[in-house]
Amino acid sequence: MARAKAFDPDMALDAAIDVFREHGFDGTSADMLVEAMGIGRQSLYNTFGDKWRLYQAALQRYNILEGHAHVAALRTPTRAVDGLRAMMERVVDEARKPCLGVGAICEFGNSKPEVGKINAAADRILRAAIGARIREAQADGDVSTDLQPDEVVDFLIAAFAGIRVAARGGADVIRLEALGRTALRALR
């Protein structure tokens, strides 16, 4: 009879996310993972497979959690432009924490189809939510109708990545907030 797991796999996965966020895939060792996750090496392999499969599971969970948080911020305020602002403020507030999604892109580019597939699934959901709010903001007169919604989505997602990279590079909160405000001003 198989023994019941003595740990919560989601909590262990969240701990792995933190390690991968900080060190990337290549910079993370199995020892770092088992220490952070609070499990034995055999439990790691029995539950998650090898380090690569654990990384993919961590990236997928991270993208789901981050995507939900972004969409929740985007949908909170009544006016669409305020939702866009809330999402930007969330990005700025969270920018000091490394982004596993941006990290995966920087580390692997297009070289790992599995990573591309995970990121593409999250990207589709986020793009649809942002695009809908942009169209609403255009209808409200808060975002220029001269702008193509899909191009604005591309711009905002690039701005989010840029803000996160700037934070990782040491930009202070004043500079990060200015980046966010400037990006939103470009939508008028």
N, C-alpha and C. Protein backbone atom coordinates (compact mmCIF):
# COMPACT_ATOMS: atom_id res chain seq x y z
N MET A 1 0.84 -1.18 0.00
CA MET A 1 0.00 0.00 0.00
C MET A 1 0.89 1.24 0.00
N ALA A 2 0.58 2.18 -0.87
CA ALA A 2 1.37 3.41 -0.98
C ALA A 2 1.13 4.32 0.22
N ARG A 3 2.21 4.94 0.68
CA ARG A 3 2.11 5.90 1.79
C ARG A 3 1.51 7.21 1.31
N ALA A 4 0.72 7.83 2.16
CA ALA A 4 0.17 9.15 1.83
C ALA A 4 1.30 10.18 1.86
N LYS A 5 1.20 11.19 1.00
CA LYS A 5 2.20 12.25 0.98
C LYS A 5 2.17 12.99 2.31
N ALA A 6 3.36 13.26 2.84
CA ALA A 6 3.46 13.97 4.11
C ALA A 6 3.66 15.46 3.90
N PHE A 7 3.36 15.94 2.71
CA PHE A 7 3.52 17.36 2.40
C PHE A 7 2.43 17.78 1.42
N ASP A 8 2.19 19.07 1.36
CA ASP A 8 1.21 19.63 0.44
C ASP A 8 1.92 19.93 -0.89
N PRO A 9 1.58 19.24 -1.96
CA PRO A 9 2.26 19.45 -3.23
C PRO A 9 2.17 20.89 -3.75
N ASP A 10 1.03 21.56 -3.53
CA ASP A 10 0.91 22.96 -3.98
C ASP A 10 1.84 23.88 -3.21
N MET A 11 1.96 23.66 -1.90
CA MET A 11 2.88 24.48 -1.11
C MET A 11 4.33 24.21 -1.53
N ALA A 12 4.64 22.96 -1.80
CA ALA A 12 5.98 22.62 -2.26
C ALA A 12 6.25 23.26 -3.63
N LEU A 13 5.25 23.24 -4.49
CA LEU A 13 5.39 23.85 -5.81
C LEU A 13 5.57 25.37 -5.69
N ASP A 14 4.85 25.99 -4.77
CA ASP A 14 5.01 27.42 -4.55
C ASP A 14 6.43 27.75 -4.08
N ALA A 15 6.99 26.89 -3.24
CA ALA A 15 8.37 27.09 -2.79
C ALA A 15 9.34 26.94 -3.96
N ALA A 16 9.07 25.99 -4.84
CA ALA A 16 9.92 25.81 -6.03
C ALA A 16 9.81 27.03 -6.94
N ILE A 17 8.63 27.59 -7.06
CA ILE A 17 8.44 28.80 -7.87
C ILE A 17 9.36 29.90 -7.36
N ASP A 18 9.40 30.08 -6.05
CA ASP A 18 10.25 31.14 -5.48
C ASP A 18 11.72 30.92 -5.83
N VAL A 19 12.17 29.69 -5.79
CA VAL A 19 13.57 29.40 -6.12
C VAL A 19 13.83 29.64 -7.60
N PHE A 20 12.96 29.15 -8.46
CA PHE A 20 13.14 29.35 -9.90
C PHE A 20 13.03 30.83 -10.27
N ARG A 21 12.17 31.58 -9.59
CA ARG A 21 12.05 33.02 -9.86
C ARG A 21 13.38 33.71 -9.60
N GLU A 22 14.02 33.35 -8.54
CA GLU A 22 15.25 34.02 -8.13
C GLU A 22 16.47 33.55 -8.92
N HIS A 23 16.53 32.26 -9.25
CA HIS A 23 17.75 31.69 -9.82
C HIS A 23 17.62 31.16 -11.24
N GLY A 24 16.42 31.12 -11.77
CA GLY A 24 16.22 30.54 -13.09
C GLY A 24 16.36 29.03 -13.04
N PHE A 25 16.18 28.40 -14.18
CA PHE A 25 16.29 26.93 -14.24
C PHE A 25 17.73 26.49 -14.05
N ASP A 26 18.62 27.04 -14.86
CA ASP A 26 20.02 26.60 -14.81
C ASP A 26 20.69 26.93 -13.49
N GLY A 27 20.30 28.02 -12.86
CA GLY A 27 20.92 28.43 -11.60
C GLY A 27 20.36 27.74 -10.37
N THR A 28 19.39 26.87 -10.56
CA THR A 28 18.74 26.17 -9.45
C THR A 28 19.22 24.73 -9.40
N SER A 29 19.65 24.32 -8.23
CA SER A 29 20.08 22.92 -8.05
C SER A 29 18.97 22.13 -7.37
N ALA A 30 19.08 20.82 -7.46
CA ALA A 30 18.12 19.95 -6.77
C ALA A 30 18.21 20.16 -5.27
N ASP A 31 19.42 20.39 -4.75
CA ASP A 31 19.57 20.64 -3.31
C ASP A 31 18.82 21.91 -2.90
N MET A 32 18.91 22.95 -3.70
CA MET A 32 18.19 24.20 -3.41
C MET A 32 16.69 23.94 -3.37
N LEU A 33 16.22 23.13 -4.30
CA LEU A 33 14.78 22.84 -4.38
C LEU A 33 14.29 22.05 -3.18
N VAL A 34 14.98 20.95 -2.85
CA VAL A 34 14.50 20.13 -1.74
C VAL A 34 14.55 20.90 -0.42
N GLU A 35 15.57 21.75 -0.26
CA GLU A 35 15.64 22.57 0.96
C GLU A 35 14.47 23.55 1.02
N ALA A 36 14.22 24.26 -0.06
CA ALA A 36 13.13 25.25 -0.08
C ALA A 36 11.76 24.59 0.03
N MET A 37 11.61 23.45 -0.62
CA MET A 37 10.32 22.77 -0.64
C MET A 37 10.05 21.99 0.65
N GLY A 38 11.09 21.74 1.42
CA GLY A 38 10.93 21.01 2.67
C GLY A 38 10.59 19.56 2.47
N ILE A 39 11.10 18.97 1.39
CA ILE A 39 10.84 17.57 1.10
C ILE A 39 12.15 16.87 0.76
N GLY A 40 12.12 15.57 0.79
CA GLY A 40 13.29 14.80 0.40
C GLY A 40 13.41 14.73 -1.12
N ARG A 41 14.61 14.42 -1.55
CA ARG A 41 14.88 14.32 -2.99
C ARG A 41 13.97 13.28 -3.64
N GLN A 42 13.76 12.15 -2.98
CA GLN A 42 12.92 11.09 -3.56
C GLN A 42 11.47 11.57 -3.69
N SER A 43 10.99 12.32 -2.70
CA SER A 43 9.62 12.85 -2.78
C SER A 43 9.49 13.83 -3.94
N LEU A 44 10.54 14.63 -4.15
CA LEU A 44 10.53 15.56 -5.29
C LEU A 44 10.37 14.79 -6.60
N TYR A 45 11.20 13.76 -6.76
CA TYR A 45 11.16 12.99 -8.01
C TYR A 45 9.87 12.17 -8.13
N ASN A 46 9.40 11.60 -7.03
CA ASN A 46 8.17 10.80 -7.08
C ASN A 46 6.95 11.66 -7.42
N THR A 47 6.93 12.88 -6.91
CA THR A 47 5.76 13.75 -7.09
C THR A 47 5.83 14.57 -8.37
N PHE A 48 6.99 15.13 -8.65
CA PHE A 48 7.10 16.09 -9.75
C PHE A 48 7.92 15.58 -10.93
N GLY A 49 8.57 14.44 -10.80
CA GLY A 49 9.44 13.97 -11.87
C GLY A 49 10.81 14.62 -11.72
N ASP A 50 11.45 14.88 -12.81
CA ASP A 50 12.78 15.49 -12.75
C ASP A 50 12.69 17.01 -12.62
N LYS A 51 13.83 17.65 -12.53
CA LYS A 51 13.87 19.11 -12.35
C LYS A 51 13.18 19.83 -13.50
N TRP A 52 13.31 19.36 -14.72
CA TRP A 52 12.69 20.00 -15.87
C TRP A 52 11.17 19.96 -15.78
N ARG A 53 10.62 18.81 -15.39
CA ARG A 53 9.17 18.71 -15.26
C ARG A 53 8.67 19.54 -14.08
N LEU A 54 9.46 19.62 -13.01
CA LEU A 54 9.11 20.48 -11.89
C LEU A 54 9.09 21.94 -12.35
N TYR A 55 10.08 22.33 -13.14
CA TYR A 55 10.13 23.71 -13.64
C TYR A 55 8.90 24.01 -14.49
N GLN A 56 8.51 23.10 -15.35
CA GLN A 56 7.33 23.32 -16.18
C GLN A 56 6.07 23.44 -15.32
N ALA A 57 5.94 22.59 -14.30
CA ALA A 57 4.79 22.67 -13.40
C ALA A 57 4.80 24.00 -12.64
N ALA A 58 5.99 24.43 -12.21
CA ALA A 58 6.11 25.70 -11.49
C ALA A 58 5.73 26.86 -12.40
N LEU A 59 6.22 26.84 -13.63
CA LEU A 59 5.91 27.91 -14.59
C LEU A 59 4.42 27.95 -14.89
N GLN A 60 3.82 26.80 -15.07
CA GLN A 60 2.38 26.75 -15.35
C GLN A 60 1.58 27.29 -14.16
N ARG A 61 1.91 26.87 -12.96
CA ARG A 61 1.20 27.36 -11.77
C ARG A 61 1.42 28.86 -11.60
N TYR A 62 2.66 29.30 -11.77
CA TYR A 62 2.97 30.72 -11.64
C TYR A 62 2.15 31.53 -12.64
N ASN A 63 2.12 31.10 -13.89
CA ASN A 63 1.37 31.83 -14.92
C ASN A 63 -0.12 31.88 -14.61
N ILE A 64 -0.66 30.81 -14.08
CA ILE A 64 -2.08 30.80 -13.71
C ILE A 64 -2.34 31.79 -12.58
N LEU A 65 -1.52 31.72 -11.53
CA LEU A 65 -1.71 32.61 -10.39
C LEU A 65 -1.50 34.07 -10.77
N GLU A 66 -0.44 34.37 -11.50
CA GLU A 66 -0.17 35.73 -11.93
C GLU A 66 -1.25 36.23 -12.90
N GLY A 67 -1.65 35.37 -13.81
CA GLY A 67 -2.69 35.74 -14.77
C GLY A 67 -3.99 36.11 -14.06
N HIS A 68 -4.38 35.29 -13.08
CA HIS A 68 -5.60 35.58 -12.31
C HIS A 68 -5.47 36.91 -11.57
N ALA A 69 -4.30 37.15 -10.97
CA ALA A 69 -4.09 38.39 -10.23
C ALA A 69 -4.13 39.61 -11.16
N HIS A 70 -3.52 39.48 -12.35
CA HIS A 70 -3.56 40.58 -13.32
C HIS A 70 -5.00 40.85 -13.77
N VAL A 71 -5.72 39.81 -14.10
CA VAL A 71 -7.09 39.97 -14.59
C VAL A 71 -7.98 40.52 -13.48
N ALA A 72 -7.78 40.09 -12.24
CA ALA A 72 -8.57 40.62 -11.13
C ALA A 72 -8.32 42.12 -10.96
N ALA A 73 -7.06 42.53 -11.05
CA ALA A 73 -6.75 43.97 -10.95
C ALA A 73 -7.38 44.72 -12.12
N LEU A 74 -7.31 44.14 -13.28
CA LEU A 74 -7.84 44.76 -14.49
C LEU A 74 -9.35 44.96 -14.42
N ARG A 75 -10.04 44.03 -13.79
CA ARG A 75 -11.51 44.07 -13.75
C ARG A 75 -12.07 44.75 -12.51
N THR A 76 -11.24 45.09 -11.53
CA THR A 76 -11.73 45.64 -10.28
C THR A 76 -12.50 46.95 -10.45
N PRO A 77 -11.88 48.00 -10.96
CA PRO A 77 -12.59 49.28 -11.06
C PRO A 77 -13.72 49.24 -12.10
N THR A 78 -14.64 50.18 -11.94
CA THR A 78 -15.77 50.26 -12.85
C THR A 78 -15.33 50.71 -14.24
N ARG A 79 -14.58 51.80 -14.31
CA ARG A 79 -14.13 52.31 -15.62
C ARG A 79 -12.96 51.48 -16.11
N ALA A 80 -12.97 51.17 -17.39
CA ALA A 80 -11.93 50.34 -17.98
C ALA A 80 -10.55 50.95 -17.81
N VAL A 81 -10.42 52.26 -18.00
CA VAL A 81 -9.11 52.90 -17.87
C VAL A 81 -8.57 52.76 -16.44
N ASP A 82 -9.46 52.75 -15.46
CA ASP A 82 -9.03 52.56 -14.08
C ASP A 82 -8.56 51.12 -13.85
N GLY A 83 -9.17 50.19 -14.56
CA GLY A 83 -8.71 48.81 -14.50
C GLY A 83 -7.31 48.67 -15.10
N LEU A 84 -7.08 49.34 -16.22
CA LEU A 84 -5.74 49.33 -16.83
C LEU A 84 -4.73 49.94 -15.86
N ARG A 85 -5.11 51.02 -15.20
CA ARG A 85 -4.23 51.67 -14.23
C ARG A 85 -3.96 50.73 -13.05
N ALA A 86 -5.01 50.05 -12.56
CA ALA A 86 -4.85 49.12 -11.43
C ALA A 86 -3.90 47.99 -11.79
N MET A 87 -4.00 47.49 -13.01
CA MET A 87 -3.10 46.42 -13.43
C MET A 87 -1.67 46.94 -13.51
N MET A 88 -1.48 48.14 -14.05
CA MET A 88 -0.14 48.72 -14.13
C MET A 88 0.43 48.94 -12.73
N GLU A 89 -0.40 49.43 -11.81
CA GLU A 89 0.06 49.64 -10.44
C GLU A 89 0.46 48.32 -9.79
N ARG A 90 -0.27 47.26 -10.10
CA ARG A 90 0.08 45.94 -9.58
C ARG A 90 1.44 45.51 -10.10
N VAL A 91 1.67 45.72 -11.39
CA VAL A 91 2.98 45.36 -11.97
C VAL A 91 4.09 46.13 -11.27
N VAL A 92 3.90 47.43 -11.09
CA VAL A 92 4.92 48.26 -10.43
C VAL A 92 5.12 47.78 -8.99
N ASP A 93 4.03 47.52 -8.26
CA ASP A 93 4.13 47.07 -6.87
C ASP A 93 4.85 45.73 -6.74
N GLU A 94 4.66 44.86 -7.71
CA GLU A 94 5.24 43.52 -7.65
C GLU A 94 6.58 43.41 -8.40
N ALA A 95 7.03 44.49 -9.00
CA ALA A 95 8.19 44.43 -9.89
C ALA A 95 9.48 44.00 -9.20
N ARG A 96 9.60 44.20 -7.92
CA ARG A 96 10.82 43.80 -7.21
C ARG A 96 10.95 42.28 -7.11
N LYS A 97 9.84 41.59 -7.20
CA LYS A 97 9.87 40.12 -7.18
C LYS A 97 10.16 39.65 -8.61
N PRO A 98 11.16 38.83 -8.79
CA PRO A 98 11.44 38.35 -10.16
C PRO A 98 10.20 37.67 -10.77
N CYS A 99 10.01 37.88 -12.04
CA CYS A 99 8.89 37.29 -12.78
C CYS A 99 9.36 36.00 -13.43
N LEU A 100 8.75 34.90 -13.07
CA LEU A 100 9.15 33.61 -13.65
C LEU A 100 8.84 33.56 -15.15
N GLY A 101 7.76 34.21 -15.57
CA GLY A 101 7.43 34.23 -17.00
C GLY A 101 8.47 34.96 -17.81
N VAL A 102 8.85 36.17 -17.37
CA VAL A 102 9.89 36.93 -18.06
C VAL A 102 11.21 36.19 -17.97
N GLY A 103 11.50 35.63 -16.80
CA GLY A 103 12.73 34.86 -16.63
C GLY A 103 12.82 33.69 -17.58
N ALA A 104 11.70 33.00 -17.78
CA ALA A 104 11.68 31.85 -18.70
C ALA A 104 11.97 32.30 -20.13
N ILE A 105 11.39 33.43 -20.52
CA ILE A 105 11.62 33.95 -21.86
C ILE A 105 13.09 34.34 -22.02
N CYS A 106 13.64 35.03 -21.02
CA CYS A 106 15.04 35.47 -21.09
C CYS A 106 15.98 34.27 -21.09
N GLU A 107 15.67 33.25 -20.30
CA GLU A 107 16.55 32.10 -20.19
C GLU A 107 16.48 31.18 -21.41
N PHE A 108 15.28 30.98 -21.96
CA PHE A 108 15.11 29.99 -23.01
C PHE A 108 14.74 30.54 -24.37
N GLY A 109 14.23 31.77 -24.43
CA GLY A 109 13.78 32.29 -25.71
C GLY A 109 12.78 31.34 -26.32
N ASN A 110 13.02 30.93 -27.56
CA ASN A 110 12.16 29.96 -28.25
C ASN A 110 12.77 28.56 -28.30
N SER A 111 13.81 28.33 -27.52
CA SER A 111 14.53 27.06 -27.62
C SER A 111 13.82 25.88 -26.97
N LYS A 112 12.86 26.13 -26.11
CA LYS A 112 12.13 25.05 -25.42
C LYS A 112 10.65 25.17 -25.74
N PRO A 113 10.15 24.34 -26.66
CA PRO A 113 8.74 24.42 -27.04
C PRO A 113 7.77 24.27 -25.86
N GLU A 114 8.16 23.47 -24.86
CA GLU A 114 7.29 23.27 -23.71
C GLU A 114 7.07 24.59 -22.96
N VAL A 115 8.14 25.37 -22.81
CA VAL A 115 8.05 26.67 -22.13
C VAL A 115 7.21 27.62 -22.98
N GLY A 116 7.45 27.61 -24.28
CA GLY A 116 6.67 28.46 -25.18
C GLY A 116 5.19 28.15 -25.11
N LYS A 117 4.85 26.89 -25.03
CA LYS A 117 3.44 26.48 -24.97
C LYS A 117 2.79 26.95 -23.67
N ILE A 118 3.49 26.80 -22.55
CA ILE A 118 2.97 27.24 -21.26
C ILE A 118 2.77 28.76 -21.25
N ASN A 119 3.79 29.48 -21.72
CA ASN A 119 3.69 30.95 -21.75
C ASN A 119 2.62 31.42 -22.74
N ALA A 120 2.50 30.75 -23.86
CA ALA A 120 1.51 31.16 -24.87
C ALA A 120 0.09 31.01 -24.34
N ALA A 121 -0.17 29.95 -23.58
CA ALA A 121 -1.51 29.75 -23.01
C ALA A 121 -1.86 30.89 -22.05
N ALA A 122 -0.93 31.26 -21.20
CA ALA A 122 -1.17 32.36 -20.27
C ALA A 122 -1.30 33.68 -21.01
N ASP A 123 -0.48 33.85 -22.03
CA ASP A 123 -0.48 35.08 -22.83
C ASP A 123 -1.83 35.31 -23.51
N ARG A 124 -2.42 34.25 -24.04
CA ARG A 124 -3.72 34.38 -24.73
C ARG A 124 -4.80 34.91 -23.78
N ILE A 125 -4.82 34.38 -22.57
CA ILE A 125 -5.83 34.79 -21.59
C ILE A 125 -5.63 36.25 -21.20
N LEU A 126 -4.39 36.61 -20.90
CA LEU A 126 -4.10 37.98 -20.48
C LEU A 126 -4.37 38.96 -21.61
N ARG A 127 -3.95 38.62 -22.82
CA ARG A 127 -4.17 39.51 -23.97
C ARG A 127 -5.65 39.74 -24.22
N ALA A 128 -6.45 38.70 -24.10
CA ALA A 128 -7.89 38.85 -24.32
C ALA A 128 -8.50 39.79 -23.27
N ALA A 129 -8.11 39.63 -22.02
CA ALA A 129 -8.65 40.47 -20.95
C ALA A 129 -8.21 41.93 -21.12
N ILE A 130 -6.94 42.15 -21.44
CA ILE A 130 -6.46 43.52 -21.63
C ILE A 130 -7.14 44.13 -22.86
N GLY A 131 -7.21 43.37 -23.94
CA GLY A 131 -7.83 43.87 -25.17
C GLY A 131 -9.28 44.30 -24.95
N ALA A 132 -10.02 43.52 -24.18
CA ALA A 132 -11.42 43.86 -23.91
C ALA A 132 -11.50 45.18 -23.13
N ARG A 133 -10.64 45.35 -22.15
CA ARG A 133 -10.65 46.59 -21.36
C ARG A 133 -10.20 47.79 -22.20
N ILE A 134 -9.28 47.57 -23.11
CA ILE A 134 -8.83 48.67 -23.99
C ILE A 134 -9.99 49.12 -24.87
N ARG A 135 -10.71 48.17 -25.45
CA ARG A 135 -11.86 48.54 -26.28
C ARG A 135 -12.92 49.28 -25.47
N GLU A 136 -13.13 48.84 -24.22
CA GLU A 136 -14.07 49.56 -23.35
C GLU A 136 -13.58 50.97 -23.07
N ALA A 137 -12.29 51.11 -22.78
CA ALA A 137 -11.72 52.43 -22.50
C ALA A 137 -11.79 53.33 -23.73
N GLN A 138 -11.65 52.74 -24.90
CA GLN A 138 -11.81 53.53 -26.13
C GLN A 138 -13.25 53.99 -26.28
N ALA A 139 -14.20 53.11 -26.00
CA ALA A 139 -15.62 53.48 -26.09
C ALA A 139 -15.97 54.56 -25.07
N ASP A 140 -15.30 54.56 -23.92
CA ASP A 140 -15.52 55.57 -22.88
C ASP A 140 -14.79 56.88 -23.19
N GLY A 141 -13.95 56.89 -24.22
CA GLY A 141 -13.18 58.08 -24.57
C GLY A 141 -11.91 58.27 -23.75
N ASP A 142 -11.48 57.23 -23.03
CA ASP A 142 -10.30 57.34 -22.17
C ASP A 142 -9.01 56.86 -22.84
N VAL A 143 -9.14 56.11 -23.91
CA VAL A 143 -7.99 55.65 -24.69
C VAL A 143 -8.25 56.04 -26.14
N SER A 144 -7.24 56.56 -26.78
CA SER A 144 -7.38 57.03 -28.16
C SER A 144 -7.91 55.94 -29.09
N THR A 145 -8.89 56.31 -29.89
CA THR A 145 -9.42 55.37 -30.87
C THR A 145 -8.51 55.26 -32.09
N ASP A 146 -7.48 56.11 -32.15
CA ASP A 146 -6.48 56.00 -33.22
C ASP A 146 -5.57 54.79 -33.00
N LEU A 147 -5.57 54.26 -31.81
CA LEU A 147 -4.71 53.13 -31.47
C LEU A 147 -5.43 51.81 -31.75
N GLN A 148 -4.70 50.85 -32.28
CA GLN A 148 -5.26 49.52 -32.50
C GLN A 148 -5.18 48.73 -31.19
N PRO A 149 -6.28 48.17 -30.72
CA PRO A 149 -6.27 47.46 -29.44
C PRO A 149 -5.18 46.40 -29.33
N ASP A 150 -4.97 45.60 -30.38
CA ASP A 150 -3.94 44.56 -30.32
C ASP A 150 -2.54 45.15 -30.18
N GLU A 151 -2.32 46.30 -30.81
CA GLU A 151 -1.02 46.97 -30.68
C GLU A 151 -0.83 47.54 -29.29
N VAL A 152 -1.91 48.02 -28.68
CA VAL A 152 -1.84 48.54 -27.31
C VAL A 152 -1.53 47.38 -26.35
N VAL A 153 -2.15 46.23 -26.58
CA VAL A 153 -1.87 45.05 -25.76
C VAL A 153 -0.38 44.71 -25.85
N ASP A 154 0.16 44.66 -27.07
CA ASP A 154 1.59 44.38 -27.24
C ASP A 154 2.44 45.39 -26.48
N PHE A 155 2.09 46.66 -26.60
CA PHE A 155 2.82 47.72 -25.93
C PHE A 155 2.79 47.55 -24.41
N LEU A 156 1.60 47.30 -23.86
CA LEU A 156 1.49 47.17 -22.40
C LEU A 156 2.24 45.95 -21.88
N ILE A 157 2.16 44.84 -22.58
CA ILE A 157 2.88 43.65 -22.14
C ILE A 157 4.38 43.88 -22.20
N ALA A 158 4.84 44.58 -23.23
CA ALA A 158 6.27 44.93 -23.30
C ALA A 158 6.64 45.89 -22.18
N ALA A 159 5.74 46.83 -21.85
CA ALA A 159 6.00 47.76 -20.74
C ALA A 159 6.09 47.00 -19.42
N PHE A 160 5.20 46.02 -19.22
CA PHE A 160 5.26 45.23 -17.99
C PHE A 160 6.61 44.53 -17.86
N ALA A 161 7.04 43.89 -18.93
CA ALA A 161 8.33 43.19 -18.92
C ALA A 161 9.46 44.18 -18.66
N GLY A 162 9.41 45.33 -19.32
CA GLY A 162 10.44 46.35 -19.14
C GLY A 162 10.50 46.85 -17.70
N ILE A 163 9.36 47.04 -17.08
CA ILE A 163 9.31 47.49 -15.70
C ILE A 163 9.93 46.43 -14.78
N ARG A 164 9.59 45.19 -15.03
CA ARG A 164 10.14 44.10 -14.21
C ARG A 164 11.66 43.97 -14.39
N VAL A 165 12.13 44.12 -15.62
CA VAL A 165 13.57 44.05 -15.87
C VAL A 165 14.26 45.26 -15.24
N ALA A 166 13.65 46.44 -15.33
CA ALA A 166 14.23 47.64 -14.71
C ALA A 166 14.34 47.45 -13.20
N ALA A 167 13.32 46.88 -12.58
CA ALA A 167 13.36 46.63 -11.14
C ALA A 167 14.47 45.64 -10.79
N ARG A 168 14.58 44.61 -11.59
CA ARG A 168 15.64 43.59 -11.37
C ARG A 168 17.02 44.23 -11.51
N GLY A 169 17.11 45.26 -12.37
CA GLY A 169 18.37 45.96 -12.58
C GLY A 169 18.64 47.04 -11.54
N GLY A 170 17.72 47.23 -10.59
CA GLY A 170 17.97 48.16 -9.50
C GLY A 170 17.21 49.47 -9.55
N ALA A 171 16.32 49.66 -10.51
CA ALA A 171 15.54 50.91 -10.57
C ALA A 171 14.74 51.07 -9.28
N ASP A 172 14.71 52.28 -8.76
CA ASP A 172 13.96 52.54 -7.53
C ASP A 172 12.47 52.69 -7.85
N VAL A 173 11.65 52.73 -6.80
CA VAL A 173 10.21 52.76 -6.97
C VAL A 173 9.75 54.03 -7.70
N ILE A 174 10.43 55.14 -7.50
CA ILE A 174 10.06 56.38 -8.19
C ILE A 174 10.18 56.18 -9.70
N ARG A 175 11.27 55.60 -10.10
CA ARG A 175 11.50 55.35 -11.54
C ARG A 175 10.49 54.34 -12.09
N LEU A 176 10.20 53.29 -11.32
CA LEU A 176 9.23 52.29 -11.77
C LEU A 176 7.83 52.89 -11.92
N GLU A 177 7.44 53.71 -10.96
CA GLU A 177 6.13 54.38 -11.04
C GLU A 177 6.09 55.31 -12.25
N ALA A 178 7.18 56.01 -12.53
CA ALA A 178 7.24 56.90 -13.69
C ALA A 178 7.10 56.11 -14.98
N LEU A 179 7.73 54.95 -15.05
CA LEU A 179 7.59 54.09 -16.23
C LEU A 179 6.13 53.69 -16.44
N GLY A 180 5.47 53.31 -15.36
CA GLY A 180 4.06 52.92 -15.44
C GLY A 180 3.17 54.05 -15.88
N ARG A 181 3.37 55.24 -15.28
CA ARG A 181 2.57 56.41 -15.67
C ARG A 181 2.80 56.78 -17.14
N THR A 182 4.05 56.75 -17.56
CA THR A 182 4.37 57.11 -18.94
C THR A 182 3.74 56.13 -19.92
N ALA A 183 3.76 54.87 -19.59
CA ALA A 183 3.14 53.88 -20.47
C ALA A 183 1.64 54.15 -20.61
N LEU A 184 0.98 54.47 -19.51
CA LEU A 184 -0.46 54.74 -19.56
C LEU A 184 -0.75 56.04 -20.31
N ARG A 185 0.12 57.03 -20.15
CA ARG A 185 -0.07 58.30 -20.86
C ARG A 185 -0.01 58.10 -22.38
N ALA A 186 0.75 57.14 -22.82
CA ALA A 186 0.88 56.87 -24.24
C ALA A 186 -0.43 56.39 -24.88
N LEU A 187 -1.38 56.03 -24.05
CA LEU A 187 -2.66 55.50 -24.57
C LEU A 187 -3.67 56.59 -24.88
N ARG A 188 -3.36 57.81 -24.54
CA ARG A 188 -4.35 58.90 -24.75
C ARG A 188 -4.36 59.43 -26.16
